[in-house]
C-alpha atoms as a PDB file:
ATOM      1  CA  UNK A   1       5.817  42.941   2.244  1.00  0.00           C
ATOM      2  CA  UNK A   2       8.581  40.755   0.867  1.00  0.00           C
ATOM      3  CA  UNK A   3      10.460  38.326   3.072  1.00  0.00           C
ATOM      4  CA  UNK A   4      13.780  36.476   2.483  1.00  0.00           C
ATOM      5  CA  UNK A   5      13.212  32.935   1.835  1.00  0.00           C
ATOM      6  CA  UNK A   6      11.679  32.009   5.240  1.00  0.00           C
ATOM      7  CA  UNK A   7       9.713  28.872   5.758  1.00  0.00           C
ATOM      8  CA  UNK A   8       7.841  27.865   8.702  1.00  0.00           C
ATOM      9  CA  UNK A   9       4.978  25.389   9.698  1.00  0.00           C
ATOM     10  CA  UNK A  10       1.501  26.375   8.842  1.00  0.00           C
ATOM     11  CA  UNK A  11       2.819  29.029   6.559  1.00  0.00           C
ATOM     12  CA  UNK A  12      -0.682  30.049   5.113  1.00  0.00           C
ATOM     13  CA  UNK A  13      -2.101  30.824   8.531  1.00  0.00           C
ATOM     14  CA  UNK A  14       0.933  32.889   9.352  1.00  0.00           C
ATOM     15  CA  UNK A  15       0.829  34.785   6.075  1.00  0.00           C
ATOM     16  CA  UNK A  16      -2.782  35.736   6.728  1.00  0.00           C
ATOM     17  CA  UNK A  17      -1.779  36.972  10.351  1.00  0.00           C
ATOM     18  CA  UNK A  18       0.973  39.052   8.806  1.00  0.00           C
ATOM     19  CA  UNK A  19      -1.413  40.662   6.126  1.00  0.00           C
ATOM     20  CA  UNK A  20      -3.902  41.390   8.664  1.00  0.00           C
ATOM     21  CA  UNK A  21      -1.640  42.741  11.477  1.00  0.00           C
ATOM     22  CA  UNK A  22       0.689  44.745   9.039  1.00  0.00           C
ATOM     23  CA  UNK A  23      -2.287  45.933   6.868  1.00  0.00           C
ATOM     24  CA  UNK A  24      -0.709  44.611   3.652  1.00  0.00           C
ATOM     25  CA  UNK A  25      -2.229  43.227   0.558  1.00  0.00           C
ATOM     26  CA  UNK A  26       0.285  40.333  -0.162  1.00  0.00           C
ATOM     27  CA  UNK A  27       3.219  38.627   1.348  1.00  0.00           C
ATOM     28  CA  UNK A  28       5.952  37.684  -1.045  1.00  0.00           C
ATOM     29  CA  UNK A  29       9.041  35.643  -0.862  1.00  0.00           C
ATOM     30  CA  UNK A  30      12.398  36.403  -2.524  1.00  0.00           C
ATOM     31  CA  UNK A  31      15.400  34.416  -1.512  1.00  0.00           C
ATOM     32  CA  UNK A  32      17.674  36.818  -3.532  1.00  0.00           C
ATOM     33  CA  UNK A  33      17.002  40.009  -1.726  1.00  0.00           C
ATOM     34  CA  UNK A  34      19.665  41.161   0.783  1.00  0.00           C
ATOM     35  CA  UNK A  35      17.307  42.276   3.413  1.00  0.00           C
ATOM     36  CA  UNK A  36      15.363  39.861   5.741  1.00  0.00           C
ATOM     37  CA  UNK A  37      12.193  41.956   5.311  1.00  0.00           C
ATOM     38  CA  UNK A  38      11.256  44.715   2.776  1.00  0.00           C
ATOM     39  CA  UNK A  39       7.985  46.753   3.257  1.00  0.00           C
ATOM     40  CA  UNK A  40       6.847  48.546   0.261  1.00  0.00           C
ATOM     41  CA  UNK A  41       5.356  51.779   1.671  1.00  0.00           C
ATOM     42  CA  UNK A  42       4.163  53.339  -1.799  1.00  0.00           C
ATOM     43  CA  UNK A  43       0.526  54.518  -1.651  1.00  0.00           C
ATOM     44  CA  UNK A  44      -0.832  53.616  -4.989  1.00  0.00           C
ATOM     45  CA  UNK A  45      -3.944  55.294  -6.415  1.00  0.00           C
ATOM     46  CA  UNK A  46      -5.983  51.991  -5.619  1.00  0.00           C
ATOM     47  CA  UNK A  47      -4.754  52.169  -2.065  1.00  0.00           C
ATOM     48  CA  UNK A  48      -5.732  55.758  -1.798  1.00  0.00           C
ATOM     49  CA  UNK A  49      -9.067  55.114  -3.127  1.00  0.00           C
ATOM     50  CA  UNK A  50      -9.678  52.187  -0.700  1.00  0.00           C
ATOM     51  CA  UNK A  51      -8.554  54.521   2.163  1.00  0.00           C
ATOM     52  CA  UNK A  52     -11.019  57.195   0.866  1.00  0.00           C
ATOM     53  CA  UNK A  53     -13.760  54.501   0.717  1.00  0.00           C
ATOM     54  CA  UNK A  54     -13.058  53.549   4.302  1.00  0.00           C
ATOM     55  CA  UNK A  55     -13.190  57.008   5.461  1.00  0.00           C
ATOM     56  CA  UNK A  56     -16.669  57.495   3.661  1.00  0.00           C
ATOM     57  CA  UNK A  57     -17.916  54.303   5.352  1.00  0.00           C
ATOM     58  CA  UNK A  58     -16.988  55.508   8.803  1.00  0.00           C
ATOM     59  CA  UNK A  59     -18.591  58.843   8.194  1.00  0.00           C
ATOM     60  CA  UNK A  60     -21.768  57.105   6.821  1.00  0.00           C
ATOM     61  CA  UNK A  61     -21.741  54.911   9.898  1.00  0.00           C
ATOM     62  CA  UNK A  62     -21.423  57.847  12.387  1.00  0.00           C
ATOM     63  CA  UNK A  63     -24.370  59.621  10.424  1.00  0.00           C
ATOM     64  CA  UNK A  64     -26.384  56.550  10.931  1.00  0.00           C
ATOM     65  CA  UNK A  65     -25.776  56.505  14.573  1.00  0.00           C
ATOM     66  CA  UNK A  66     -26.640  60.297  14.774  1.00  0.00           C
ATOM     67  CA  UNK A  67     -29.997  59.501  12.865  1.00  0.00           C
ATOM     68  CA  UNK A  68     -30.507  56.601  15.486  1.00  0.00           C
ATOM     69  CA  UNK A  69     -30.604  54.124  12.562  1.00  0.00           C
ATOM     70  CA  UNK A  70     -29.762  50.502  13.569  1.00  0.00           C
ATOM     71  CA  UNK A  71     -26.821  48.875  11.650  1.00  0.00           C
ATOM     72  CA  UNK A  72     -29.298  46.446   9.942  1.00  0.00           C
ATOM     73  CA  UNK A  73     -31.351  49.541   8.477  1.00  0.00           C
ATOM     74  CA  UNK A  74     -30.781  49.770   4.761  1.00  0.00           C
ATOM     75  CA  UNK A  75     -30.237  53.268   3.633  1.00  0.00           C
ATOM     76  CA  UNK A  76     -29.909  55.529   0.389  1.00  0.00           C
ATOM     77  CA  UNK A  77     -27.181  57.868  -0.106  1.00  0.00           C
ATOM     78  CA  UNK A  78     -26.714  61.027  -2.168  1.00  0.00           C
ATOM     79  CA  UNK A  79     -22.970  61.758  -2.806  1.00  0.00           C
ATOM     80  CA  UNK A  80     -21.430  64.925  -4.320  1.00  0.00           C
ATOM     81  CA  UNK A  81     -20.226  64.386  -7.811  1.00  0.00           C
ATOM     82  CA  UNK A  82     -16.716  65.182  -7.082  1.00  0.00           C
ATOM     83  CA  UNK A  83     -16.337  61.763  -5.391  1.00  0.00           C
ATOM     84  CA  UNK A  84     -18.039  59.622  -7.994  1.00  0.00           C
ATOM     85  CA  UNK A  85     -14.835  57.864  -9.021  1.00  0.00           C
ATOM     86  CA  UNK A  86     -14.108  56.867  -5.409  1.00  0.00           C
ATOM     87  CA  UNK A  87     -17.738  55.488  -4.789  1.00  0.00           C
ATOM     88  CA  UNK A  88     -18.029  53.828  -8.276  1.00  0.00           C
ATOM     89  CA  UNK A  89     -14.356  52.256  -7.786  1.00  0.00           C
ATOM     90  CA  UNK A  90     -15.118  50.780  -4.495  1.00  0.00           C
ATOM     91  CA  UNK A  91     -18.953  50.399  -4.866  1.00  0.00           C
ATOM     92  CA  UNK A  92     -18.947  46.796  -3.531  1.00  0.00           C
ATOM     93  CA  UNK A  93     -17.202  47.554  -0.186  1.00  0.00           C
ATOM     94  CA  UNK A  94     -19.164  50.859   0.357  1.00  0.00           C
ATOM     95  CA  UNK A  95     -22.588  49.619  -0.369  1.00  0.00           C
ATOM     96  CA  UNK A  96     -22.258  46.297   1.423  1.00  0.00           C
ATOM     97  CA  UNK A  97     -20.433  47.500   4.436  1.00  0.00           C
ATOM     98  CA  UNK A  98     -22.724  50.564   4.979  1.00  0.00           C
ATOM     99  CA  UNK A  99     -25.971  48.631   3.939  1.00  0.00           C
ATOM    100  CA  UNK A 100     -26.718  51.243   0.984  1.00  0.00           C
ATOM    101  CA  UNK A 101     -29.481  49.886  -1.168  1.00  0.00           C
ATOM    102  CA  UNK A 102     -29.089  52.811  -3.769  1.00  0.00           C
ATOM    103  CA  UNK A 103     -27.114  55.923  -4.307  1.00  0.00           C
ATOM    104  CA  UNK A 104     -27.003  58.885  -6.658  1.00  0.00           C
ATOM    105  CA  UNK A 105     -24.689  61.852  -7.370  1.00  0.00           C
ATOM    106  CA  UNK A 106     -25.572  65.498  -7.363  1.00  0.00           C
ATOM    107  CA  UNK A 107     -23.565  68.594  -8.167  1.00  0.00           C
ATOM    108  CA  UNK A 108     -24.517  69.895  -4.768  1.00  0.00           C
ATOM    109  CA  UNK A 109     -25.879  68.132  -1.780  1.00  0.00           C
ATOM    110  CA  UNK A 110     -27.639  70.587   0.310  1.00  0.00           C
ATOM    111  CA  UNK A 111     -27.571  70.057   4.102  1.00  0.00           C
ATOM    112  CA  UNK A 112     -25.094  67.095   3.611  1.00  0.00           C
ATOM    113  CA  UNK A 113     -22.237  65.917   5.723  1.00  0.00           C
ATOM    114  CA  UNK A 114     -18.625  66.944   4.625  1.00  0.00           C
ATOM    115  CA  UNK A 115     -15.844  64.228   4.723  1.00  0.00           C
ATOM    116  CA  UNK A 116     -12.240  65.075   4.213  1.00  0.00           C
ATOM    117  CA  UNK A 117     -10.444  62.638   2.024  1.00  0.00           C
ATOM    118  CA  UNK A 118      -7.020  62.340   0.644  1.00  0.00           C
ATOM    119  CA  UNK A 119      -5.348  64.817  -1.519  1.00  0.00           C
ATOM    120  CA  UNK A 120      -7.370  67.700  -0.064  1.00  0.00           C
ATOM    121  CA  UNK A 121     -10.715  66.404  -1.464  1.00  0.00           C
ATOM    122  CA  UNK A 122     -13.907  67.216   0.449  1.00  0.00           C
ATOM    123  CA  UNK A 123     -16.837  64.870  -0.132  1.00  0.00           C
ATOM    124  CA  UNK A 124     -20.339  65.531   0.746  1.00  0.00           C
ATOM    125  CA  UNK A 125     -23.144  63.024   1.401  1.00  0.00           C
ATOM    126  CA  UNK A 126     -26.680  62.658   2.902  1.00  0.00           C
ATOM    127  CA  UNK A 127     -28.452  59.571   3.799  1.00  0.00           C
ATOM    128  CA  UNK A 128     -32.052  58.633   3.675  1.00  0.00           C
ATOM    129  CA  UNK A 129     -34.053  55.542   4.488  1.00  0.00           C
END
């Protein structure tokens, strides 16, 4: 998000609100731009990977609930190898948010749960405690 040279009181607090409410990573200011507000809608590979990680976390949390595990229970997860780049790239967010103590990758996860990710990728995972 880029704003034309706008200033206001308590600017840092408003920037944080804008970032949160508009789901943007940063708010920039450019007094030379013609428009008052410019929103970059390009989905970078990093943003796609983050979105896939959030979808995995959502699915893992749903599987936790179905297994009657509490949010505090730490788990282990087996992921299909085709999503290794996503999991490794967003390791901290996935492991901390989903309380995963360890994970591994296998070519085939038998009895796993399928998760549809961006670009037609279907990941599979299974949880254990």
